[in-house]
PDB file of N, CA and C in Angstrom:
ATOM      1  N   UNK A   1      -5.324   8.778  23.298  1.00  0.00           N
ATOM      2  CA  UNK A   1      -5.280   7.241  23.025  1.00  0.00           C
ATOM      3  C   UNK A   1      -3.766   6.738  23.384  1.00  0.00           C
ATOM      4  N   UNK A   2      -3.547   6.013  24.010  1.00  0.00           N
ATOM      5  CA  UNK A   2      -2.217   5.506  23.944  1.00  0.00           C
ATOM      6  C   UNK A   2      -1.915   4.101  22.838  1.00  0.00           C
ATOM      7  N   UNK A   3      -0.773   4.444  22.502  1.00  0.00           N
ATOM      8  CA  UNK A   3      -0.588   2.632  21.298  1.00  0.00           C
ATOM      9  C   UNK A   3      -0.908   1.593  21.799  1.00  0.00           C
ATOM     10  N   UNK A   4      -1.012   1.534  22.766  1.00  0.00           N
ATOM     11  CA  UNK A   4      -1.777  -0.295  22.868  1.00  0.00           C
ATOM     12  C   UNK A   4      -2.885  -0.241  22.669  1.00  0.00           C
ATOM     13  N   UNK A   5      -3.829   0.731  23.194  1.00  0.00           N
ATOM     14  CA  UNK A   5      -5.020   0.913  22.744  1.00  0.00           C
ATOM     15  C   UNK A   5      -5.505   1.001  21.344  1.00  0.00           C
ATOM     16  N   UNK A   6      -4.793   1.709  21.029  1.00  0.00           N
ATOM     17  CA  UNK A   6      -5.164   2.292  19.278  1.00  0.00           C
ATOM     18  C   UNK A   6      -5.419   0.941  18.380  1.00  0.00           C
ATOM     19  N   UNK A   7      -6.730   1.048  18.223  1.00  0.00           N
ATOM     20  CA  UNK A   7      -7.149  -0.034  17.141  1.00  0.00           C
ATOM     21  C   UNK A   7      -7.824   0.292  15.704  1.00  0.00           C
ATOM     22  N   UNK A   8      -7.623  -0.194  14.736  1.00  0.00           N
ATOM     23  CA  UNK A   8      -8.427  -0.259  13.765  1.00  0.00           C
ATOM     24  C   UNK A   8      -9.638   1.159  13.747  1.00  0.00           C
ATOM     25  N   UNK A   9     -10.381   1.097  14.730  1.00  0.00           N
ATOM     26  CA  UNK A   9     -11.649   1.592  15.172  1.00  0.00           C
ATOM     27  C   UNK A   9     -11.361   3.252  15.344  1.00  0.00           C
ATOM     28  N   UNK A  10     -10.183   3.611  15.657  1.00  0.00           N
ATOM     29  CA  UNK A  10      -9.934   4.852  16.019  1.00  0.00           C
ATOM     30  C   UNK A  10      -9.130   5.276  14.939  1.00  0.00           C
ATOM     31  N   UNK A  11      -9.228   4.390  13.623  1.00  0.00           N
ATOM     32  CA  UNK A  11      -8.974   5.152  12.850  1.00  0.00           C
ATOM     33  C   UNK A  11      -9.824   6.296  11.812  1.00  0.00           C
ATOM     34  N   UNK A  12     -10.099   7.417  11.533  1.00  0.00           N
ATOM     35  CA  UNK A  12     -11.230   7.749  10.933  1.00  0.00           C
ATOM     36  C   UNK A  12     -11.503   7.401   9.524  1.00  0.00           C
ATOM     37  N   UNK A  13     -10.257   7.196   9.030  1.00  0.00           N
ATOM     38  CA  UNK A  13     -10.345   6.603   7.395  1.00  0.00           C
ATOM     39  C   UNK A  13     -10.299   4.973   7.216  1.00  0.00           C
ATOM     40  N   UNK A  14     -11.421   4.317   6.747  1.00  0.00           N
ATOM     41  CA  UNK A  14     -10.948   2.763   6.640  1.00  0.00           C
ATOM     42  C   UNK A  14     -10.591   2.070   5.060  1.00  0.00           C
ATOM     43  N   UNK A  15      -9.362   2.236   4.319  1.00  0.00           N
ATOM     44  CA  UNK A  15      -9.460   2.249   2.758  1.00  0.00           C
ATOM     45  C   UNK A  15     -10.217   1.055   2.546  1.00  0.00           C
ATOM     46  N   UNK A  16     -10.907   0.997   1.280  1.00  0.00           N
ATOM     47  CA  UNK A  16     -11.941  -0.118   1.048  1.00  0.00           C
ATOM     48  C   UNK A  16     -11.388  -0.265  -0.792  1.00  0.00           C
ATOM     49  N   UNK A  17     -11.946  -1.279  -1.031  1.00  0.00           N
ATOM     50  CA  UNK A  17     -11.214  -1.819  -2.502  1.00  0.00           C
ATOM     51  C   UNK A  17     -12.456  -1.150  -3.196  1.00  0.00           C
ATOM     52  N   UNK A  18     -11.543  -0.003  -4.711  1.00  0.00           N
ATOM     53  CA  UNK A  18     -12.249   0.293  -5.168  1.00  0.00           C
ATOM     54  C   UNK A  18     -13.811   0.158  -6.217  1.00  0.00           C
ATOM     55  N   UNK A  19     -14.659   1.311  -5.955  1.00  0.00           N
ATOM     56  CA  UNK A  19     -15.856   0.787  -6.544  1.00  0.00           C
ATOM     57  C   UNK A  19     -15.562   0.894  -8.229  1.00  0.00           C
ATOM     58  N   UNK A  20     -16.869   0.274  -8.699  1.00  0.00           N
ATOM     59  CA  UNK A  20     -16.822   0.464  -9.952  1.00  0.00           C
ATOM     60  C   UNK A  20     -16.914   1.894 -10.539  1.00  0.00           C
ATOM     61  N   UNK A  21     -17.592   2.883  -9.565  1.00  0.00           N
ATOM     62  CA  UNK A  21     -17.421   4.332  -9.805  1.00  0.00           C
ATOM     63  C   UNK A  21     -15.774   4.976 -10.049  1.00  0.00           C
ATOM     64  N   UNK A  22     -15.400   4.596  -8.791  1.00  0.00           N
ATOM     65  CA  UNK A  22     -13.916   5.181  -9.087  1.00  0.00           C
ATOM     66  C   UNK A  22     -12.789   4.381  -9.845  1.00  0.00           C
ATOM     67  N   UNK A  23     -12.850   3.233 -10.205  1.00  0.00           N
ATOM     68  CA  UNK A  23     -12.162   2.523 -11.139  1.00  0.00           C
ATOM     69  C   UNK A  23     -12.342   3.659 -12.954  1.00  0.00           C
ATOM     70  N   UNK A  24     -14.223   3.801 -13.051  1.00  0.00           N
ATOM     71  CA  UNK A  24     -14.822   4.573 -14.056  1.00  0.00           C
ATOM     72  C   UNK A  24     -13.812   6.012 -13.968  1.00  0.00           C
ATOM     73  N   UNK A  25     -13.918   6.133 -12.761  1.00  0.00           N
ATOM     74  CA  UNK A  25     -13.089   8.064 -12.505  1.00  0.00           C
ATOM     75  C   UNK A  25     -11.652   7.739 -13.254  1.00  0.00           C
ATOM     76  N   UNK A  26     -10.911   6.323 -12.458  1.00  0.00           N
ATOM     77  CA  UNK A  26      -9.633   6.655 -12.838  1.00  0.00           C
ATOM     78  C   UNK A  26      -9.198   6.587 -14.390  1.00  0.00           C
ATOM     79  N   UNK A  27     -10.178   5.769 -14.901  1.00  0.00           N
ATOM     80  CA  UNK A  27      -9.621   5.251 -15.978  1.00  0.00           C
ATOM     81  C   UNK A  27     -10.258   6.723 -17.192  1.00  0.00           C
ATOM     82  N   UNK A  28     -11.273   7.547 -16.833  1.00  0.00           N
ATOM     83  CA  UNK A  28     -11.278   8.828 -17.483  1.00  0.00           C
ATOM     84  C   UNK A  28      -9.951   9.454 -17.318  1.00  0.00           C
ATOM     85  N   UNK A  29      -9.822   9.764 -15.724  1.00  0.00           N
ATOM     86  CA  UNK A  29      -8.472  10.662 -15.939  1.00  0.00           C
ATOM     87  C   UNK A  29      -7.253   9.779 -16.795  1.00  0.00           C
ATOM     88  N   UNK A  30      -7.062   9.182 -17.065  1.00  0.00           N
ATOM     89  CA  UNK A  30      -6.061   8.646 -17.423  1.00  0.00           C
ATOM     90  C   UNK A  30      -6.526   8.681 -18.764  1.00  0.00           C
ATOM     91  N   UNK A  31      -7.348   8.496 -19.343  1.00  0.00           N
ATOM     92  CA  UNK A  31      -7.638   8.258 -21.032  1.00  0.00           C
ATOM     93  C   UNK A  31      -7.031  10.527 -21.064  1.00  0.00           C
ATOM     94  N   UNK A  32      -8.083  11.042 -20.114  1.00  0.00           N
ATOM     95  CA  UNK A  32      -7.371  12.780 -20.120  1.00  0.00           C
ATOM     96  C   UNK A  32      -5.782  12.595 -20.466  1.00  0.00           C
ATOM     97  N   UNK A  33      -5.163  12.621 -19.493  1.00  0.00           N
ATOM     98  CA  UNK A  33      -4.065  12.452 -19.085  1.00  0.00           C
ATOM     99  C   UNK A  33      -3.130  12.182 -20.424  1.00  0.00           C
ATOM    100  N   UNK A  34      -3.135  10.989 -20.875  1.00  0.00           N
ATOM    101  CA  UNK A  34      -2.844  10.197 -22.054  1.00  0.00           C
ATOM    102  C   UNK A  34      -2.806  11.212 -23.038  1.00  0.00           C
ATOM    103  N   UNK A  35      -4.126  12.279 -23.643  1.00  0.00           N
ATOM    104  CA  UNK A  35      -3.911  12.872 -24.598  1.00  0.00           C
ATOM    105  C   UNK A  35      -3.409  14.425 -24.437  1.00  0.00           C
ATOM    106  N   UNK A  36      -2.670  14.649 -23.605  1.00  0.00           N
ATOM    107  CA  UNK A  36      -2.168  16.028 -23.101  1.00  0.00           C
ATOM    108  C   UNK A  36      -0.851  15.584 -23.647  1.00  0.00           C
ATOM    109  N   UNK A  37      -0.034  16.380 -24.378  1.00  0.00           N
ATOM    110  CA  UNK A  37       1.226  16.579 -24.669  1.00  0.00           C
ATOM    111  C   UNK A  37       2.752  16.711 -23.978  1.00  0.00           C
ATOM    112  N   UNK A  38       3.365  15.882 -23.588  1.00  0.00           N
ATOM    113  CA  UNK A  38       4.289  15.557 -22.457  1.00  0.00           C
ATOM    114  C   UNK A  38       4.739  17.140 -21.754  1.00  0.00           C
ATOM    115  N   UNK A  39       5.262  17.983 -22.836  1.00  0.00           N
ATOM    116  CA  UNK A  39       5.714  19.017 -22.526  1.00  0.00           C
ATOM    117  C   UNK A  39       4.770  19.909 -21.650  1.00  0.00           C
ATOM    118  N   UNK A  40       3.149  19.412 -22.248  1.00  0.00           N
ATOM    119  CA  UNK A  40       2.249  20.814 -21.655  1.00  0.00           C
ATOM    120  C   UNK A  40       2.251  19.933 -19.957  1.00  0.00           C
ATOM    121  N   UNK A  41       1.960  18.505 -19.527  1.00  0.00           N
ATOM    122  CA  UNK A  41       2.096  18.016 -18.943  1.00  0.00           C
ATOM    123  C   UNK A  41       3.454  18.887 -17.770  1.00  0.00           C
ATOM    124  N   UNK A  42       4.554  18.948 -18.126  1.00  0.00           N
ATOM    125  CA  UNK A  42       5.391  18.784 -17.659  1.00  0.00           C
ATOM    126  C   UNK A  42       5.118  20.591 -17.177  1.00  0.00           C
ATOM    127  N   UNK A  43       4.953  21.793 -17.779  1.00  0.00           N
ATOM    128  CA  UNK A  43       4.700  22.738 -17.564  1.00  0.00           C
ATOM    129  C   UNK A  43       3.631  23.088 -16.762  1.00  0.00           C
ATOM    130  N   UNK A  44       2.316  21.494 -16.580  1.00  0.00           N
ATOM    131  CA  UNK A  44       1.120  22.097 -15.632  1.00  0.00           C
ATOM    132  C   UNK A  44       1.891  21.583 -14.144  1.00  0.00           C
ATOM    133  N   UNK A  45       2.919  20.674 -14.083  1.00  0.00           N
ATOM    134  CA  UNK A  45       3.277  20.106 -12.491  1.00  0.00           C
ATOM    135  C   UNK A  45       4.288  21.393 -12.250  1.00  0.00           C
ATOM    136  N   UNK A  46       4.954  21.884 -13.304  1.00  0.00           N
ATOM    137  CA  UNK A  46       6.045  23.175 -12.728  1.00  0.00           C
ATOM    138  C   UNK A  46       4.982  24.255 -12.182  1.00  0.00           C
ATOM    139  N   UNK A  47       3.974  24.489 -12.630  1.00  0.00           N
ATOM    140  CA  UNK A  47       3.303  25.347 -12.204  1.00  0.00           C
ATOM    141  C   UNK A  47       2.603  25.225 -11.239  1.00  0.00           C
ATOM    142  N   UNK A  48       1.880  23.832 -10.812  1.00  0.00           N
ATOM    143  CA  UNK A  48       1.521  23.384  -9.456  1.00  0.00           C
ATOM    144  C   UNK A  48       2.772  23.066  -8.145  1.00  0.00           C
ATOM    145  N   UNK A  49       3.599  23.023  -8.586  1.00  0.00           N
ATOM    146  CA  UNK A  49       4.744  23.253  -7.980  1.00  0.00           C
ATOM    147  C   UNK A  49       5.175  24.303  -7.657  1.00  0.00           C
ATOM    148  N   UNK A  50       5.188  25.245  -8.422  1.00  0.00           N
ATOM    149  CA  UNK A  50       5.486  26.839  -8.254  1.00  0.00           C
ATOM    150  C   UNK A  50       4.416  27.224  -6.998  1.00  0.00           C
ATOM    151  N   UNK A  51       3.173  26.450  -6.868  1.00  0.00           N
ATOM    152  CA  UNK A  51       2.071  27.542  -6.315  1.00  0.00           C
ATOM    153  C   UNK A  51       2.122  26.285  -4.973  1.00  0.00           C
ATOM    154  N   UNK A  52       2.774  25.125  -5.134  1.00  0.00           N
ATOM    155  CA  UNK A  52       2.396  24.357  -3.625  1.00  0.00           C
ATOM    156  C   UNK A  52       3.292  24.384  -2.983  1.00  0.00           C
ATOM    157  N   UNK A  53       4.621  24.157  -3.383  1.00  0.00           N
ATOM    158  CA  UNK A  53       5.768  24.539  -2.945  1.00  0.00           C
ATOM    159  C   UNK A  53       5.938  25.851  -1.961  1.00  0.00           C
ATOM    160  N   UNK A  54       5.832  26.814  -2.369  1.00  0.00           N
ATOM    161  CA  UNK A  54       5.891  27.995  -1.310  1.00  0.00           C
ATOM    162  C   UNK A  54       4.432  27.936   0.174  1.00  0.00           C
ATOM    163  N   UNK A  55       3.425  27.642  -0.402  1.00  0.00           N
ATOM    164  CA  UNK A  55       2.358  27.167   0.664  1.00  0.00           C
ATOM    165  C   UNK A  55       3.016  25.792   1.940  1.00  0.00           C
ATOM    166  N   UNK A  56       4.168  24.882   1.053  1.00  0.00           N
ATOM    167  CA  UNK A  56       4.250  24.241   2.244  1.00  0.00           C
ATOM    168  C   UNK A  56       4.708  24.726   3.046  1.00  0.00           C
ATOM    169  N   UNK A  57       6.193  25.572   2.572  1.00  0.00           N
ATOM    170  CA  UNK A  57       7.145  25.568   3.032  1.00  0.00           C
ATOM    171  C   UNK A  57       6.648  26.781   3.958  1.00  0.00           C
ATOM    172  N   UNK A  58       5.704  27.466   4.325  1.00  0.00           N
ATOM    173  CA  UNK A  58       4.879  28.255   4.727  1.00  0.00           C
ATOM    174  C   UNK A  58       4.147  27.202   6.131  1.00  0.00           C
ATOM    175  N   UNK A  59       3.611  26.520   5.775  1.00  0.00           N
ATOM    176  CA  UNK A  59       2.832  25.199   6.457  1.00  0.00           C
ATOM    177  C   UNK A  59       4.372  24.778   7.810  1.00  0.00           C
ATOM    178  N   UNK A  60       5.370  24.368   6.892  1.00  0.00           N
ATOM    179  CA  UNK A  60       5.877  23.973   8.060  1.00  0.00           C
ATOM    180  C   UNK A  60       7.039  24.947   8.866  1.00  0.00           C
ATOM    181  N   UNK A  61       7.438  25.818   8.395  1.00  0.00           N
ATOM    182  CA  UNK A  61       7.473  27.084   9.232  1.00  0.00           C
ATOM    183  C   UNK A  61       6.602  27.580  10.626  1.00  0.00           C
ATOM    184  N   UNK A  62       5.440  27.450   9.905  1.00  0.00           N
ATOM    185  CA  UNK A  62       4.210  27.611  11.061  1.00  0.00           C
ATOM    186  C   UNK A  62       4.454  26.514  12.413  1.00  0.00           C
ATOM    187  N   UNK A  63       4.527  25.387  11.222  1.00  0.00           N
ATOM    188  CA  UNK A  63       4.400  24.134  12.427  1.00  0.00           C
ATOM    189  C   UNK A  63       5.587  24.162  13.369  1.00  0.00           C
ATOM    190  N   UNK A  64       6.964  24.606  12.575  1.00  0.00           N
ATOM    191  CA  UNK A  64       8.041  23.882  13.354  1.00  0.00           C
ATOM    192  C   UNK A  64       8.378  24.926  14.560  1.00  0.00           C
TER     193      UNK A  64
END
């Protein structure tokens, strides 16, 4: 597809306004996250980053 012929119809995903269900899920997630002590959030982030970063770098290396 040339850039000049690219339209919104060619896009695989069309962002939409969040539904009531989406809002309810986000609110529920927000409530849960608020109950987690900050130091545990940091630990969870560090754990996730420790898992994701090597995978990301491996992917980057295979793409490059």
